[in-house]
Amino acid sequence: MSEDSHAERKIIIPPKKRKVIINGRTIGEVEETGDVRKDLEAASKLIEAAGMGGKPPLEWTMYKHAQAFAKLANYVLGTHVWKKDGRPHSDEDMRNTVPFVVNAALAIELYLKTLHALFGGKATGHLLLKLYDGLATEAKLEIDQRMPAREKEFKLEPPGTFRGYVESLDRAFVDWRYVYELDYSGSINFAQMMCVLATAEDACRTFGNRLSQSRKAGAP
């Protein structure tokens, strides 16, 4: 028997590789190390090397988040709060008013913050009236032009003002997320809230070219 037959045999297992795919296009592979942070760093370097790196601009990210919260608010309202004929689903389902209000208020907040960002500003906080009052004049004028059509859609008579509706919703997110802790949370006019939500999104869409340019400048 040869001396080599007693030598320790080493089995080498090749590292696993994972494809990095952006928008359906495979741009390369990275080795899996077992350390998620290191794997993500390697993938990020690969993306940057392919000229597809960069973090999406803040205004674009806020806008997409606002859309997501608005979509959920609409879903909850339409399927778990009100029927198409305007009647509540049930007393039990009326508890779903809370997630509707919280998601809708957060969506409005993010749409208003998106408008701030589109005009070079930066807004913080959850109070909606302060966010509206601080908007650029051009953004407010666009809101005023868009709102009548939405008031008609949500059957708001007599017509009000965007600022007036926002004032009634000012603390909606702050109060309703922990509404169970309050003795009285105030009332919410669903039609007014939906009008504000839709109008704020319309205003953001008006300045869609700026959002598009931001997206192209900062994301794949």
Protein backbone atom coordinates (compact mmCIF):
# COMPACT_ATOMS: atom_id res chain seq x y z
CA MET A 1 0.00 0.00 0.00
CA SER A 2 1.47 3.34 -0.99
CA GLU A 3 2.11 6.12 1.47
CA ASP A 4 -0.15 8.45 -0.52
CA SER A 5 -3.16 6.25 0.14
CA HIS A 6 -3.04 7.25 3.80
CA ALA A 7 -2.86 10.97 3.06
CA GLU A 8 -5.81 13.08 4.12
CA ARG A 9 -8.17 13.69 1.29
CA LYS A 10 -9.58 17.21 0.93
CA ILE A 11 -12.93 17.72 -0.67
CA ILE A 12 -13.38 21.18 -2.11
CA ILE A 13 -16.94 22.34 -2.60
CA PRO A 14 -17.20 25.24 -5.02
CA PRO A 15 -18.97 28.29 -3.59
CA LYS A 16 -22.58 28.86 -4.49
CA LYS A 17 -23.33 31.78 -6.72
CA ARG A 18 -26.44 33.91 -6.85
CA LYS A 19 -27.61 35.89 -9.87
CA VAL A 20 -28.14 39.63 -9.51
CA ILE A 21 -31.17 40.68 -11.52
CA ILE A 22 -32.33 44.26 -12.10
CA ASN A 23 -35.60 44.90 -13.96
CA GLY A 24 -35.55 41.37 -15.35
CA ARG A 25 -31.99 41.65 -16.62
CA THR A 26 -29.19 39.50 -15.18
CA ILE A 27 -26.16 41.70 -14.70
CA GLY A 28 -23.87 39.14 -13.08
CA GLU A 29 -23.34 36.74 -10.19
CA VAL A 30 -21.95 37.02 -6.67
CA GLU A 31 -20.61 34.31 -4.42
CA GLU A 32 -22.62 33.46 -1.32
CA THR A 33 -20.46 33.81 1.76
CA GLY A 34 -23.11 33.02 4.35
CA ASP A 35 -22.89 36.62 5.55
CA VAL A 36 -25.92 38.51 4.22
CA ARG A 37 -24.31 41.93 4.69
CA LYS A 38 -21.21 40.93 2.71
CA ASP A 39 -23.33 39.38 -0.03
CA LEU A 40 -25.39 42.56 -0.36
CA GLU A 41 -22.24 44.68 -0.50
CA ALA A 42 -20.88 42.49 -3.29
CA ALA A 43 -24.16 42.77 -5.18
CA SER A 44 -24.17 46.56 -4.75
CA LYS A 45 -20.66 46.82 -6.16
CA LEU A 46 -21.70 44.71 -9.13
CA ILE A 47 -24.70 46.97 -9.75
CA GLU A 48 -22.56 50.10 -9.53
CA ALA A 49 -19.97 48.61 -11.89
CA ALA A 50 -22.76 48.01 -14.39
CA GLY A 51 -23.69 51.69 -14.20
CA MET A 52 -27.04 50.94 -12.60
CA GLY A 53 -26.35 51.98 -9.04
CA GLY A 54 -27.62 54.90 -7.02
CA LYS A 55 -30.27 55.36 -4.39
CA PRO A 56 -33.66 56.63 -5.63
CA PRO A 57 -34.20 60.31 -4.75
CA LEU A 58 -36.19 61.06 -1.61
CA GLU A 59 -39.15 62.61 -3.45
CA TRP A 60 -39.57 59.52 -5.61
CA THR A 61 -39.41 57.17 -2.64
CA MET A 62 -41.92 59.24 -0.66
CA TYR A 63 -44.29 59.38 -3.63
CA LYS A 64 -44.25 55.60 -4.12
CA HIS A 65 -44.78 55.02 -0.40
CA ALA A 66 -47.71 57.45 -0.44
CA GLN A 67 -49.26 55.52 -3.30
CA ALA A 68 -48.90 52.27 -1.38
CA PHE A 69 -50.59 53.64 1.75
CA ALA A 70 -53.33 55.24 -0.37
CA LYS A 71 -53.99 51.97 -2.17
CA LEU A 72 -54.36 50.14 1.13
CA ALA A 73 -56.64 52.86 2.55
CA ASN A 74 -58.91 52.60 -0.50
CA TYR A 75 -59.01 48.83 -0.18
CA VAL A 76 -59.93 48.89 3.51
CA LEU A 77 -62.61 51.52 2.97
CA GLY A 78 -64.19 49.73 0.04
CA THR A 79 -64.10 46.18 1.35
CA HIS A 80 -64.22 46.42 5.14
CA VAL A 81 -65.92 49.71 6.05
CA TRP A 82 -68.49 50.91 3.53
CA LYS A 83 -70.58 49.06 0.98
CA LYS A 84 -71.09 50.46 -2.51
CA ASP A 85 -74.53 51.73 -1.49
CA GLY A 86 -72.96 53.83 1.28
CA ARG A 87 -74.00 51.60 4.18
CA PRO A 88 -71.49 50.12 6.64
CA HIS A 89 -70.68 46.45 6.28
CA SER A 90 -71.39 45.73 9.93
CA ASP A 91 -70.76 47.10 13.40
CA GLU A 92 -67.78 44.75 13.65
CA ASP A 93 -66.33 45.98 10.37
CA MET A 94 -66.63 49.58 11.47
CA ARG A 95 -63.59 48.92 13.63
CA ASN A 96 -61.68 48.91 10.36
CA THR A 97 -62.26 52.65 10.25
CA VAL A 98 -59.05 52.95 12.28
CA PRO A 99 -56.65 51.36 9.75
CA PHE A 100 -58.41 53.27 6.97
CA VAL A 101 -57.90 56.63 8.68
CA VAL A 102 -54.30 55.89 9.70
CA ASN A 103 -53.26 54.74 6.22
CA ALA A 104 -55.11 57.55 4.44
CA ALA A 105 -53.66 60.20 6.76
CA LEU A 106 -50.14 58.86 6.29
CA ALA A 107 -50.62 58.82 2.51
CA ILE A 108 -51.77 62.47 2.57
CA GLU A 109 -48.77 63.37 4.72
CA LEU A 110 -46.35 61.74 2.28
CA TYR A 111 -47.98 63.34 -0.77
CA LEU A 112 -47.61 66.76 0.86
CA LYS A 113 -43.98 66.01 1.77
CA THR A 114 -43.39 64.90 -1.83
CA LEU A 115 -44.65 68.29 -3.02
CA HIS A 116 -42.28 70.00 -0.59
CA ALA A 117 -39.37 67.97 -1.93
CA LEU A 118 -40.27 68.63 -5.56
CA PHE A 119 -39.88 72.34 -4.91
CA GLY A 120 -36.60 71.94 -3.05
CA GLY A 121 -38.02 71.95 0.45
CA LYS A 122 -37.89 69.53 3.32
CA ALA A 123 -40.80 68.96 5.67
CA THR A 124 -41.05 66.95 8.86
CA GLY A 125 -43.75 65.96 11.30
CA HIS A 126 -47.24 64.49 11.05
CA LEU A 127 -49.44 67.59 11.40
CA LEU A 128 -51.13 67.99 8.01
CA LEU A 129 -52.10 71.66 8.28
CA LYS A 130 -48.51 72.72 8.91
CA LEU A 131 -47.38 70.63 5.94
CA TYR A 132 -49.98 72.25 3.69
CA ASP A 133 -49.33 75.82 4.87
CA GLY A 134 -45.63 75.44 4.12
CA LEU A 135 -46.13 74.38 0.49
CA ALA A 136 -44.83 76.43 -2.41
CA THR A 137 -47.42 78.75 -3.97
CA GLU A 138 -47.28 76.84 -7.26
CA ALA A 139 -48.18 73.60 -5.49
CA LYS A 140 -51.12 75.24 -3.68
CA LEU A 141 -52.44 76.71 -6.94
CA GLU A 142 -52.32 73.27 -8.56
CA ILE A 143 -54.22 71.78 -5.62
CA ASP A 144 -56.89 74.49 -5.93
CA GLN A 145 -57.30 73.72 -9.64
CA ARG A 146 -57.58 69.99 -9.10
CA MET A 147 -59.92 69.91 -6.12
CA PRO A 148 -63.30 70.88 -7.70
CA ALA A 149 -63.38 67.73 -9.83
CA ARG A 150 -62.63 65.60 -6.79
CA GLU A 151 -65.27 67.37 -4.70
CA LYS A 152 -67.79 66.53 -7.38
CA GLU A 153 -66.63 62.91 -7.44
CA PHE A 154 -67.07 62.55 -3.67
CA LYS A 155 -70.33 64.56 -3.66
CA LEU A 156 -69.15 67.26 -1.31
CA GLU A 157 -71.78 69.99 -1.12
CA PRO A 158 -71.42 72.85 -0.62
CA PRO A 159 -67.81 73.05 -1.85
CA GLY A 160 -65.17 73.71 0.75
CA THR A 161 -61.47 74.50 0.66
CA PHE A 162 -58.54 72.12 0.64
CA ARG A 163 -57.08 73.92 3.64
CA GLY A 164 -60.37 73.62 5.49
CA TYR A 165 -60.54 69.88 4.88
CA VAL A 166 -56.91 69.44 5.88
CA GLU A 167 -57.50 71.40 9.08
CA SER A 168 -60.21 68.92 10.09
CA LEU A 169 -57.76 66.06 9.43
CA ASP A 170 -54.74 67.77 10.97
CA ARG A 171 -54.09 65.27 13.77
CA ALA A 172 -55.68 62.22 12.16
CA PHE A 173 -52.51 60.15 11.99
CA VAL A 174 -51.24 61.29 15.39
CA ASP A 175 -54.49 60.54 17.22
CA TRP A 176 -55.98 57.58 15.37
CA ARG A 177 -52.96 55.29 15.42
CA TYR A 178 -53.40 55.05 19.20
CA VAL A 179 -57.10 55.86 19.25
CA TYR A 180 -57.77 53.26 21.94
CA GLU A 181 -55.86 55.43 24.41
CA LEU A 182 -58.09 58.47 23.87
CA ASP A 183 -61.43 59.36 25.43
CA TYR A 184 -62.46 61.09 22.22
CA SER A 185 -60.62 61.11 18.89
CA GLY A 186 -62.87 63.50 17.01
CA SER A 187 -64.89 62.66 13.92
CA ILE A 188 -63.64 62.00 10.41
CA ASN A 189 -65.55 62.88 7.27
CA PHE A 190 -64.63 60.03 4.94
CA ALA A 191 -65.61 61.92 1.78
CA GLN A 192 -63.47 64.91 2.70
CA MET A 193 -60.55 62.65 3.56
CA MET A 194 -60.79 60.82 0.24
CA CYS A 195 -61.07 64.15 -1.58
CA VAL A 196 -57.89 65.44 0.07
CA LEU A 197 -56.10 62.17 -0.61
CA ALA A 198 -57.04 62.11 -4.30
CA THR A 199 -56.34 65.81 -4.83
CA ALA A 200 -52.91 65.59 -3.23
CA GLU A 201 -52.00 62.69 -5.50
CA ASP A 202 -53.32 64.59 -8.52
CA ALA A 203 -51.06 67.51 -7.65
CA CYS A 204 -48.05 65.20 -7.40
CA ARG A 205 -48.91 63.70 -10.78
CA THR A 206 -49.01 67.19 -12.29
CA PHE A 207 -45.36 67.55 -11.49
CA GLY A 208 -44.75 64.02 -12.77
CA ASN A 209 -41.98 65.15 -15.12
CA ARG A 210 -39.94 66.20 -12.12
CA LEU A 211 -40.62 62.86 -10.46
CA SER A 212 -39.64 61.06 -13.66
CA GLN A 213 -36.41 63.00 -13.97
CA SER A 214 -35.60 62.29 -10.32
CA ARG A 215 -36.25 58.60 -10.87
CA LYS A 216 -34.01 58.43 -13.96
CA ALA A 217 -31.27 60.35 -12.22
CA GLY A 218 -31.10 58.16 -9.16
CA ALA A 219 -32.34 54.65 -9.84
CA PRO A 220 -32.03 51.85 -12.38
